Protein backbone atom coordinates (compact mmCIF):
# COMPACT_ATOMS: atom_id res chain seq x y z
CA MET A 1 0.00 0.00 0.00
CA GLU A 2 2.83 2.34 0.88
CA VAL A 3 4.52 1.56 -2.45
CA LEU A 4 1.27 2.27 -4.28
CA SER A 5 0.86 5.58 -2.46
CA ALA A 6 4.42 6.55 -3.26
CA THR A 7 3.63 6.06 -6.96
CA ILE A 8 0.12 7.47 -7.22
CA TYR A 9 0.53 10.65 -5.16
CA PRO A 10 3.41 12.09 -7.24
CA MET A 11 1.46 11.29 -10.41
CA LEU A 12 -1.61 13.07 -9.06
CA VAL A 13 0.51 16.06 -8.02
CA MET A 14 2.21 16.25 -11.42
CA GLY A 15 -1.12 15.85 -13.18
CA GLY A 16 -2.61 18.62 -11.07
CA LEU A 17 0.29 20.93 -11.79
CA ALA A 18 0.03 20.14 -15.51
CA ALA A 19 -3.67 21.00 -15.44
CA ILE A 20 -2.97 24.28 -13.62
CA TYR A 21 -0.22 25.22 -16.12
CA ALA A 22 -2.45 24.32 -19.05
CA LEU A 23 -5.23 26.47 -17.63
CA GLY A 24 -2.76 29.31 -17.09
CA LEU A 25 -1.49 29.08 -20.64
CA GLY A 26 -5.03 29.01 -21.95
CA ILE A 27 -5.92 32.14 -20.01
CA ALA A 28 -2.67 33.86 -21.09
CA SER A 29 -3.35 33.06 -24.72
CA LYS A 30 -6.69 34.81 -24.42
CA VAL A 31 -5.41 37.78 -22.42
CA PHE A 32 -2.32 38.43 -24.55
CA TYR A 33 -3.79 37.44 -27.90
CA VAL A 34 -2.84 39.80 -30.70
CA TYR A 35 -4.95 39.67 -33.82
CA VAL A 36 -2.95 39.46 -37.05
CA ASP A 37 -4.85 40.40 -40.17
CA PRO A 38 -4.51 37.42 -42.55
CA ARG A 39 -4.32 39.85 -45.45
CA ILE A 40 -0.85 40.91 -44.28
CA GLY A 41 0.54 37.48 -45.16
CA GLN A 42 -1.30 37.50 -48.49
CA VAL A 43 0.12 40.89 -49.39
CA GLU A 44 3.64 39.97 -48.26
CA GLU A 45 3.65 37.00 -50.65
CA LEU A 46 3.16 39.46 -53.51
CA LEU A 47 6.02 41.75 -52.52
CA GLY A 48 9.61 41.60 -53.78
CA GLY A 49 10.91 39.50 -50.91
CA ALA A 50 14.35 41.13 -50.93
CA ASN A 51 13.83 43.38 -47.88
CA CYS A 52 15.56 46.06 -49.97
CA GLY A 53 14.09 49.02 -48.10
CA GLY A 54 12.97 50.77 -51.27
CA CYS A 55 9.50 51.18 -49.77
CA GLY A 56 10.88 53.06 -46.77
CA TYR A 57 10.16 50.24 -44.32
CA ALA A 58 12.56 47.85 -42.57
CA GLY A 59 11.42 44.85 -44.57
CA CYS A 60 8.66 43.27 -46.61
CA SER A 61 6.67 42.24 -43.51
CA ASP A 62 6.56 45.81 -42.25
CA CYS A 63 5.66 47.07 -45.71
CA ALA A 64 2.81 44.55 -46.03
CA ALA A 65 1.42 45.55 -42.64
CA ALA A 66 1.62 49.24 -43.58
CA ILE A 67 -0.21 48.61 -46.87
CA VAL A 68 -3.00 46.66 -45.17
CA GLU A 69 -3.34 49.28 -42.43
CA GLY A 70 -3.55 52.06 -45.01
CA LYS A 71 -0.29 53.67 -43.91
CA ALA A 72 1.38 52.96 -47.26
CA PRO A 73 -0.04 52.96 -50.79
CA VAL A 74 -0.88 49.75 -52.63
CA ASN A 75 2.12 50.28 -54.91
CA ALA A 76 4.58 50.96 -52.06
CA CYS A 77 6.79 48.06 -53.13
CA VAL A 78 8.84 49.35 -56.04
CA ALA A 79 10.41 45.93 -56.56
CA VAL A 80 7.26 44.55 -58.21
CA GLY A 81 5.24 45.74 -61.17
CA PRO A 82 1.66 46.76 -61.95
CA ASP A 83 0.41 43.15 -62.05
CA LYS A 84 1.35 42.60 -58.40
CA TRP A 85 -0.01 46.01 -57.41
CA GLU A 86 -3.33 45.09 -59.00
CA ALA A 87 -3.37 41.79 -57.10
CA ILE A 88 -2.70 43.61 -53.82
CA ALA A 89 -5.42 46.13 -54.59
CA LYS A 90 -7.86 43.27 -55.22
CA ILE A 91 -7.08 41.74 -51.82
CA LEU A 92 -7.74 45.06 -50.10
CA GLY A 93 -10.67 46.11 -52.25
CA LYS A 94 -8.84 49.23 -53.35
CA THR A 95 -7.64 50.78 -56.57
CA VAL A 96 -4.00 51.33 -57.46
CA GLU A 97 -2.71 54.68 -58.64
CA ALA A 98 -0.81 54.48 -61.89
CA GLY A 99 2.77 55.64 -61.70
CA GLU A 100 5.71 55.35 -64.05
CA ARG A 101 8.37 52.86 -63.09
CA LYS A 102 11.78 54.29 -62.29
CA VAL A 103 15.15 52.71 -62.98
CA ALA A 104 18.67 53.50 -61.84
CA HIS A 105 21.21 55.20 -64.08
CA ILE A 106 24.86 55.87 -63.28
CA MET A 107 25.32 59.61 -63.67
CA CYS A 108 29.04 59.60 -64.34
CA ARG A 109 31.26 58.69 -67.31
CA GLY A 110 34.50 59.83 -65.75
CA ASP A 111 36.52 56.63 -65.85
CA ARG A 112 40.27 56.41 -65.16
CA GLN A 113 41.11 57.59 -68.67
CA LYS A 114 38.80 60.62 -68.67
CA ALA A 115 38.87 61.79 -65.04
CA LYS A 116 41.94 62.74 -63.03
CA ARG A 117 43.03 60.94 -59.86
CA ARG A 118 44.84 62.50 -56.93
CA PHE A 119 46.53 59.34 -55.66
CA GLN A 120 46.40 55.57 -55.94
CA TYR A 121 43.94 54.12 -53.46
CA MET A 122 45.14 50.81 -51.96
CA GLY A 123 42.52 50.26 -49.26
CA ILE A 124 39.31 48.25 -48.87
CA GLU A 125 37.42 47.68 -52.13
CA ASP A 126 34.45 49.72 -51.04
CA CYS A 127 33.46 53.21 -52.18
CA ARG A 128 32.36 54.22 -48.69
CA ALA A 129 35.71 53.24 -47.24
CA ALA A 130 37.56 55.01 -50.05
CA ALA A 131 35.54 58.18 -49.48
CA LEU A 132 36.86 58.30 -45.92
CA VAL A 133 40.43 58.61 -47.22
CA SER A 134 40.72 62.30 -48.07
CA GLY A 135 37.35 62.14 -49.80
CA GLY A 136 38.48 59.47 -52.28
CA ASP A 137 41.17 59.25 -54.93
CA LYS A 138 39.17 60.97 -57.67
CA GLU A 139 39.81 64.68 -58.24
CA CYS A 140 36.12 65.30 -58.92
CA GLN A 141 34.40 65.14 -55.56
CA TYR A 142 31.12 64.16 -57.22
CA GLY A 143 32.33 61.36 -59.52
CA CYS A 144 32.03 57.58 -59.31
CA LEU A 145 34.85 56.00 -57.30
CA GLY A 146 34.49 52.77 -59.28
CA LEU A 147 34.89 50.23 -56.47
CA GLY A 148 31.51 48.61 -57.04
CA THR A 149 29.74 49.16 -53.73
CA CYS A 150 26.47 49.64 -55.60
CA VAL A 151 27.09 46.45 -57.58
CA LYS A 152 27.74 44.38 -54.45
CA ASN A 153 24.68 45.70 -52.64
CA CYS A 154 22.08 45.50 -55.42
CA PRO A 155 19.56 42.91 -54.13
CA PHE A 156 18.37 42.09 -57.65
CA GLY A 157 21.69 41.67 -59.46
CA ALA A 158 20.89 44.55 -61.79
CA LEU A 159 24.35 46.14 -61.63
CA SER A 160 27.70 45.02 -62.94
CA MET A 161 31.09 46.67 -63.37
CA GLY A 162 31.85 47.87 -66.88
CA GLU A 163 35.21 47.39 -68.54
CA ASN A 164 36.00 51.06 -67.93
CA GLY A 165 35.45 50.76 -64.18
CA ILE A 166 32.04 52.46 -64.17
CA PRO A 167 28.96 50.41 -63.08
CA VAL A 168 26.40 49.40 -65.69
CA VAL A 169 22.66 49.01 -65.01
CA ASP A 170 20.60 46.19 -66.48
CA ARG A 171 17.26 47.95 -66.91
CA ASP A 172 15.39 44.67 -67.26
CA LYS A 173 16.52 43.58 -63.80
CA CYS A 174 16.42 46.96 -62.09
CA THR A 175 13.35 47.40 -59.87
CA GLY A 176 14.06 50.98 -58.86
CA CYS A 177 14.44 49.95 -55.21
CA GLY A 178 17.03 52.69 -54.68
CA THR A 179 19.55 50.56 -52.78
CA CYS A 180 22.35 51.75 -55.07
CA THR A 181 21.44 55.39 -54.46
CA ARG A 182 21.59 54.85 -50.71
CA VAL A 183 24.92 53.02 -50.51
CA CYS A 184 26.83 55.30 -52.89
CA PRO A 185 28.75 57.88 -50.83
CA ARG A 186 28.61 60.35 -53.70
CA GLY A 187 25.05 59.83 -54.88
CA VAL A 188 26.12 58.89 -58.41
CA PRO A 189 23.27 56.46 -59.21
CA LYS A 190 20.00 58.27 -59.75
CA LEU A 191 16.46 56.96 -60.21
CA ILE A 192 14.91 58.32 -63.39
CA PRO A 193 11.63 57.61 -65.22
CA GLU A 194 11.89 54.45 -67.30
CA SER A 195 10.78 56.34 -70.40
CA GLN A 196 13.41 59.09 -70.13
CA LYS A 197 15.65 58.88 -73.17
CA ILE A 198 17.99 61.88 -72.76
CA ALA A 199 19.85 62.84 -69.60
CA THR A 200 22.94 64.67 -68.44
CA VAL A 201 25.23 61.80 -67.45
CA CYS A 202 27.19 63.75 -64.88
CA ASN A 203 26.92 64.38 -61.16
CA SER A 204 29.27 67.34 -60.77
CA HIS A 205 28.21 70.71 -59.40
CA ASP A 206 31.53 72.41 -59.99
CA GLY A 207 31.69 75.34 -62.38
CA PRO A 208 33.26 75.27 -65.88
CA PRO A 209 36.87 76.12 -64.86
CA VAL A 210 37.02 73.30 -62.29
CA VAL A 211 35.30 70.66 -64.44
CA LYS A 212 37.60 71.41 -67.40
CA LYS A 213 40.62 70.63 -65.24
CA LEU A 214 39.24 67.46 -63.68
CA CYS A 215 37.20 65.58 -66.27
CA GLU A 216 36.98 65.38 -70.05
CA VAL A 217 33.31 64.37 -70.10
CA GLY A 218 31.82 66.35 -67.22
CA CYS A 219 28.98 68.84 -67.49
CA LEU A 220 30.34 72.40 -67.51
CA GLY A 221 27.05 73.99 -66.58
CA CYS A 222 27.73 76.39 -69.44
CA GLY A 223 24.07 76.59 -70.50
CA VAL A 224 24.64 75.99 -74.23
CA CYS A 225 22.16 73.10 -74.14
CA LYS A 226 19.58 75.30 -72.47
CA LYS A 227 19.96 78.00 -75.13
CA VAL A 228 19.49 75.64 -78.08
CA CYS A 229 16.59 73.63 -76.66
CA PRO A 230 13.44 74.74 -78.54
CA GLU A 231 11.12 73.20 -75.94
CA LYS A 232 12.74 74.85 -72.91
CA ALA A 233 13.19 71.36 -71.46
CA ILE A 234 16.59 72.09 -69.92
CA THR A 235 17.49 74.08 -66.84
CA ILE A 236 20.82 74.69 -65.13
CA GLU A 237 20.65 73.76 -61.47
CA ASN A 238 23.73 74.29 -59.32
CA ASN A 239 26.07 74.20 -62.32
CA LEU A 240 24.48 71.03 -63.71
CA SER A 241 22.26 70.66 -66.75
CA VAL A 242 18.92 68.99 -65.97
CA VAL A 243 16.59 67.60 -68.64
CA ASP A 244 12.83 67.60 -68.08
CA PRO A 245 11.67 64.39 -69.82
CA SER A 246 8.06 65.61 -69.95
CA LYS A 247 9.09 68.48 -72.24
CA CYS A 248 11.88 66.83 -74.23
CA THR A 249 10.97 65.91 -77.80
CA LEU A 250 14.25 64.14 -78.61
CA CYS A 251 15.28 66.72 -81.20
CA GLY A 252 18.91 66.07 -80.23
CA LYS A 253 20.09 69.68 -80.46
CA CYS A 254 21.42 69.63 -76.91
CA ILE A 255 23.46 66.52 -77.65
CA GLU A 256 24.91 68.11 -80.78
CA LYS A 257 25.97 71.30 -79.00
CA CYS A 258 27.23 69.93 -75.68
CA PRO A 259 31.01 70.62 -75.71
CA THR A 260 31.89 67.61 -73.55
CA GLY A 261 29.22 65.13 -74.59
CA ALA A 262 27.79 65.11 -71.06
CA ILE A 263 24.22 65.05 -72.39
CA GLN A 264 23.56 61.57 -73.71
CA GLN A 265 20.76 59.64 -75.34
CA ILE A 266 20.47 56.85 -72.80
CA LEU A 267 17.68 54.97 -74.61
CA PRO A 268 16.92 54.52 -78.30
CA ALA A 269 14.38 56.99 -79.67
């Protein structure tokens, strides 16, 4: 009998404790329950999945939650196209605002043959690290340092290093997430409308005398392009020529007159 009691009592105690814990967990699950809208998961499945930050949120989960809660637009994820935006809108019973897709373009042609260098950089192969060494080895303080930081950080593999040491964008792969624009210490990559065909491929804001000394292909900010443009599609902003794609008719007069070839036709007409 004593042996039986020594076996049964501990089992009863353990069973009682288990029941109490189970009851406690059940109550806690009710008290601390947080409702998660199932649409968040549905929307997240339609997003880019790269956690690139192009939407302005920490990751795709946060972006999906913001879209469902109405804190972000249906087309907040720039890594996907109109078809996914339409699918998200259908889930939420909303409409999606049409907007032109943007792609990255490297606004510098000053490679090692065309742009002067102050010294030979021998440090870490990263543009941000190079920029910490006296501002970088390139004389032009606005030009591409050519160490491929944008290439290494592109979450969609849309960038590669060209033979001349300047990054090249694959427009078919580029989602316009803006990662390259954020990691470049000199802001050389820019997001432009996908349809834009003519642009000033330069990032310098130095005046004509300085640019002439530092780079063969830099924009002088001389204003010749502005004078010859019949549509008034060009302005000079802080010593840099800026093309308004909504006014440009692709007449090509600015390209013909640019003394350094800084204005380029970046897409076929």
